[in-house]
Amino acid sequence: MKATLVYCDNVNAVYLSDNLIQHQRTKHIEMDIHFVRENVAKGQVRVLHVPSRYQITDIFIKGLPLQLFDDFRDSLNIRQPPVSTTGAY
């Protein structure tokens, strides 16, 4: 079975997903990190780092600078309508 790829822009989260050593600073982490670690150890999940500049999904969850927003929108093949769709008041 092929591993599910998880793309993450947080370097520390990627490190924690593969590091089985529990540190004092990570005591507050809930069970979800253990779930991820377990599945990484089984080879069912791979957590990969992707810089924020290439996280296209950020268009749906973050306020982005206009240029980055336009770049992401264009990569999704979403275009401005050729004519105005707003009604008159």
N, C-alpha and C. Protein backbone atom coordinates (compact mmCIF):
# COMPACT_ATOMS: atom_id res chain seq x y z
N MET A 1 0.83 -1.17 0.00
CA MET A 1 0.00 0.00 0.00
C MET A 1 0.89 1.24 0.00
N LYS A 2 0.50 2.21 -0.79
CA LYS A 2 1.25 3.45 -0.90
C LYS A 2 0.93 4.37 0.28
N ALA A 3 1.94 5.05 0.78
CA ALA A 3 1.75 5.96 1.91
C ALA A 3 0.98 7.20 1.48
N THR A 4 0.13 7.67 2.37
CA THR A 4 -0.58 8.93 2.16
C THR A 4 0.40 10.06 2.43
N LEU A 5 0.47 11.02 1.51
CA LEU A 5 1.37 12.16 1.66
C LEU A 5 0.65 13.30 2.35
N VAL A 6 1.28 13.86 3.36
CA VAL A 6 0.76 15.04 4.06
C VAL A 6 1.78 16.15 3.86
N TYR A 7 1.35 17.24 3.25
CA TYR A 7 2.25 18.37 3.00
C TYR A 7 2.05 19.42 4.08
N CYS A 8 3.14 19.84 4.70
CA CYS A 8 3.07 20.75 5.84
C CYS A 8 4.12 21.85 5.67
N ASP A 9 3.73 23.09 5.97
CA ASP A 9 4.69 24.19 5.85
C ASP A 9 5.39 24.50 7.18
N ASN A 10 5.13 23.72 8.20
CA ASN A 10 5.74 23.92 9.50
C ASN A 10 6.85 22.89 9.70
N VAL A 11 8.09 23.35 9.67
CA VAL A 11 9.25 22.46 9.78
C VAL A 11 9.22 21.68 11.09
N ASN A 12 8.84 22.34 12.18
CA ASN A 12 8.81 21.66 13.48
C ASN A 12 7.77 20.55 13.51
N ALA A 13 6.63 20.76 12.89
CA ALA A 13 5.60 19.72 12.84
C ALA A 13 6.09 18.52 12.04
N VAL A 14 6.81 18.77 10.95
CA VAL A 14 7.37 17.67 10.16
C VAL A 14 8.37 16.89 11.00
N TYR A 15 9.22 17.61 11.72
CA TYR A 15 10.22 16.96 12.58
C TYR A 15 9.54 16.11 13.66
N LEU A 16 8.54 16.66 14.32
CA LEU A 16 7.86 15.94 15.40
C LEU A 16 7.15 14.69 14.89
N SER A 17 6.68 14.73 13.65
CA SER A 17 5.94 13.57 13.13
C SER A 17 6.84 12.35 12.97
N ASP A 18 8.14 12.58 12.82
CA ASP A 18 9.06 11.47 12.57
C ASP A 18 9.99 11.19 13.75
N ASN A 19 10.00 12.06 14.75
CA ASN A 19 10.90 11.93 15.88
C ASN A 19 10.14 11.28 17.04
N LEU A 20 10.52 10.09 17.40
CA LEU A 20 9.81 9.35 18.44
C LEU A 20 10.20 9.74 19.86
N ILE A 21 11.20 10.59 20.01
CA ILE A 21 11.65 11.00 21.33
C ILE A 21 10.73 12.10 21.86
N GLN A 22 10.23 11.92 23.07
CA GLN A 22 9.35 12.91 23.70
C GLN A 22 10.22 13.94 24.42
N HIS A 23 10.06 15.19 24.09
CA HIS A 23 10.81 16.26 24.74
C HIS A 23 9.93 16.98 25.76
N GLN A 24 10.57 17.63 26.72
CA GLN A 24 9.85 18.38 27.74
C GLN A 24 8.94 19.44 27.10
N ARG A 25 9.41 20.08 26.04
CA ARG A 25 8.63 21.15 25.41
C ARG A 25 7.43 20.64 24.64
N THR A 26 7.34 19.35 24.38
CA THR A 26 6.22 18.82 23.59
C THR A 26 5.23 18.04 24.45
N LYS A 27 5.33 18.18 25.76
CA LYS A 27 4.41 17.45 26.65
C LYS A 27 2.95 17.82 26.42
N HIS A 28 2.71 19.04 25.99
CA HIS A 28 1.34 19.53 25.83
C HIS A 28 0.63 18.98 24.59
N ILE A 29 1.35 18.31 23.73
CA ILE A 29 0.76 17.82 22.49
C ILE A 29 -0.21 16.68 22.79
N GLU A 30 -1.36 16.75 22.18
CA GLU A 30 -2.42 15.78 22.42
C GLU A 30 -2.13 14.45 21.71
N MET A 31 -3.11 13.58 21.76
CA MET A 31 -2.99 12.24 21.18
C MET A 31 -2.82 12.25 19.67
N ASP A 32 -3.24 13.34 19.00
CA ASP A 32 -3.17 13.34 17.54
C ASP A 32 -1.75 13.18 17.01
N ILE A 33 -0.74 13.74 17.73
CA ILE A 33 0.63 13.56 17.26
C ILE A 33 1.06 12.11 17.39
N HIS A 34 0.55 11.42 18.39
CA HIS A 34 0.89 10.00 18.54
C HIS A 34 0.25 9.19 17.41
N PHE A 35 -0.94 9.57 17.01
CA PHE A 35 -1.61 8.92 15.88
C PHE A 35 -0.79 9.10 14.61
N VAL A 36 -0.32 10.32 14.38
CA VAL A 36 0.49 10.60 13.19
C VAL A 36 1.80 9.83 13.26
N ARG A 37 2.48 9.89 14.39
CA ARG A 37 3.76 9.17 14.53
C ARG A 37 3.60 7.67 14.29
N GLU A 38 2.54 7.11 14.84
CA GLU A 38 2.29 5.68 14.68
C GLU A 38 2.12 5.33 13.21
N ASN A 39 1.38 6.13 12.48
CA ASN A 39 1.15 5.85 11.07
C ASN A 39 2.38 6.14 10.21
N VAL A 40 3.21 7.09 10.63
CA VAL A 40 4.48 7.32 9.95
C VAL A 40 5.38 6.11 10.16
N ALA A 41 5.44 5.60 11.38
CA ALA A 41 6.28 4.43 11.69
C ALA A 41 5.84 3.20 10.91
N LYS A 42 4.54 3.07 10.67
CA LYS A 42 4.01 1.94 9.90
C LYS A 42 4.21 2.12 8.40
N GLY A 43 4.62 3.32 7.99
CA GLY A 43 4.79 3.59 6.57
C GLY A 43 3.49 3.92 5.86
N GLN A 44 2.44 4.19 6.61
CA GLN A 44 1.14 4.51 6.01
C GLN A 44 1.01 5.99 5.68
N VAL A 45 1.82 6.82 6.34
CA VAL A 45 1.77 8.27 6.14
C VAL A 45 3.20 8.78 6.00
N ARG A 46 3.39 9.74 5.10
CA ARG A 46 4.66 10.47 4.99
C ARG A 46 4.34 11.95 5.13
N VAL A 47 5.03 12.61 6.04
CA VAL A 47 4.84 14.04 6.24
C VAL A 47 6.01 14.76 5.58
N LEU A 48 5.70 15.60 4.61
CA LEU A 48 6.72 16.29 3.83
C LEU A 48 6.63 17.79 4.03
N HIS A 49 7.78 18.44 4.07
CA HIS A 49 7.80 19.90 4.20
C HIS A 49 7.62 20.54 2.83
N VAL A 50 6.72 21.50 2.77
CA VAL A 50 6.50 22.30 1.58
C VAL A 50 6.49 23.76 2.04
N PRO A 51 7.38 24.59 1.52
CA PRO A 51 7.40 25.99 1.95
C PRO A 51 6.04 26.67 1.71
N SER A 52 5.72 27.65 2.55
CA SER A 52 4.44 28.36 2.44
C SER A 52 4.20 28.90 1.04
N ARG A 53 5.24 29.28 0.36
CA ARG A 53 5.12 29.85 -0.99
C ARG A 53 4.44 28.88 -1.96
N TYR A 54 4.51 27.57 -1.65
CA TYR A 54 3.95 26.56 -2.55
C TYR A 54 2.73 25.86 -1.96
N GLN A 55 2.22 26.35 -0.85
CA GLN A 55 1.03 25.76 -0.22
C GLN A 55 -0.22 26.38 -0.84
N ILE A 56 -0.64 25.85 -1.97
CA ILE A 56 -1.77 26.40 -2.70
C ILE A 56 -3.04 26.40 -1.85
N THR A 57 -3.18 25.45 -0.94
CA THR A 57 -4.39 25.40 -0.12
C THR A 57 -4.52 26.61 0.80
N ASP A 58 -3.44 27.37 1.00
CA ASP A 58 -3.53 28.57 1.83
C ASP A 58 -4.54 29.57 1.28
N ILE A 59 -4.83 29.50 -0.01
CA ILE A 59 -5.80 30.42 -0.60
C ILE A 59 -7.17 30.26 0.07
N PHE A 60 -7.45 29.10 0.61
CA PHE A 60 -8.75 28.83 1.22
C PHE A 60 -8.79 29.15 2.72
N ILE A 61 -7.64 29.28 3.36
CA ILE A 61 -7.65 29.41 4.82
C ILE A 61 -6.90 30.61 5.37
N LYS A 62 -6.17 31.34 4.55
CA LYS A 62 -5.37 32.45 5.05
C LYS A 62 -5.59 33.70 4.20
N GLY A 63 -5.40 34.84 4.84
CA GLY A 63 -5.32 36.08 4.08
C GLY A 63 -3.93 36.14 3.47
N LEU A 64 -3.85 36.32 2.16
CA LEU A 64 -2.57 36.29 1.47
C LEU A 64 -2.28 37.63 0.81
N PRO A 65 -0.99 37.95 0.60
CA PRO A 65 -0.67 39.12 -0.21
C PRO A 65 -1.29 38.95 -1.60
N LEU A 66 -1.69 40.06 -2.21
CA LEU A 66 -2.42 40.02 -3.48
C LEU A 66 -1.69 39.20 -4.55
N GLN A 67 -0.38 39.40 -4.70
CA GLN A 67 0.36 38.68 -5.74
C GLN A 67 0.33 37.18 -5.51
N LEU A 68 0.52 36.75 -4.28
CA LEU A 68 0.48 35.32 -3.96
C LEU A 68 -0.92 34.76 -4.17
N PHE A 69 -1.93 35.53 -3.76
CA PHE A 69 -3.32 35.12 -3.99
C PHE A 69 -3.58 34.93 -5.48
N ASP A 70 -3.16 35.91 -6.29
CA ASP A 70 -3.35 35.82 -7.75
C ASP A 70 -2.62 34.61 -8.33
N ASP A 71 -1.40 34.35 -7.87
CA ASP A 71 -0.64 33.19 -8.36
C ASP A 71 -1.37 31.89 -8.03
N PHE A 72 -1.83 31.76 -6.79
CA PHE A 72 -2.55 30.55 -6.39
C PHE A 72 -3.86 30.41 -7.16
N ARG A 73 -4.59 31.51 -7.29
CA ARG A 73 -5.86 31.47 -8.02
C ARG A 73 -5.63 31.03 -9.47
N ASP A 74 -4.60 31.58 -10.10
CA ASP A 74 -4.30 31.20 -11.48
C ASP A 74 -3.93 29.73 -11.60
N SER A 75 -3.23 29.20 -10.59
CA SER A 75 -2.84 27.78 -10.65
C SER A 75 -4.05 26.86 -10.51
N LEU A 76 -5.14 27.38 -9.95
CA LEU A 76 -6.38 26.60 -9.83
C LEU A 76 -7.29 26.79 -11.04
N ASN A 77 -6.80 27.54 -12.04
CA ASN A 77 -7.56 27.84 -13.26
C ASN A 77 -8.87 28.57 -12.97
N ILE A 78 -8.85 29.43 -11.97
CA ILE A 78 -10.00 30.28 -11.66
C ILE A 78 -9.71 31.64 -12.26
N ARG A 79 -10.61 32.13 -13.06
CA ARG A 79 -10.42 33.40 -13.76
C ARG A 79 -11.53 34.38 -13.41
N GLN A 80 -11.23 35.66 -13.60
CA GLN A 80 -12.24 36.69 -13.46
C GLN A 80 -13.25 36.53 -14.59
N PRO A 81 -14.55 36.76 -14.33
CA PRO A 81 -15.53 36.67 -15.42
C PRO A 81 -15.25 37.76 -16.45
N PRO A 82 -15.52 37.49 -17.74
CA PRO A 82 -15.23 38.46 -18.79
C PRO A 82 -16.10 39.72 -18.70
N VAL A 83 -17.26 39.61 -18.08
CA VAL A 83 -18.14 40.76 -17.92
C VAL A 83 -18.54 40.86 -16.45
N SER A 84 -18.97 42.03 -16.07
CA SER A 84 -19.38 42.23 -14.68
C SER A 84 -20.63 41.43 -14.37
N THR A 85 -20.64 40.79 -13.23
CA THR A 85 -21.82 40.01 -12.82
C THR A 85 -22.56 40.69 -11.68
N THR A 86 -22.13 41.89 -11.32
CA THR A 86 -22.81 42.60 -10.24
C THR A 86 -24.03 43.32 -10.79
N GLY A 87 -25.06 43.35 -10.01
CA GLY A 87 -26.29 44.02 -10.42
C GLY A 87 -26.23 45.51 -10.13
N ALA A 88 -27.13 46.25 -10.75
CA ALA A 88 -27.20 47.70 -10.53
C ALA A 88 -28.05 47.97 -9.30
N TYR A 89 -27.72 49.02 -8.58
CA TYR A 89 -28.49 49.39 -7.39
C TYR A 89 -29.38 50.56 -7.69
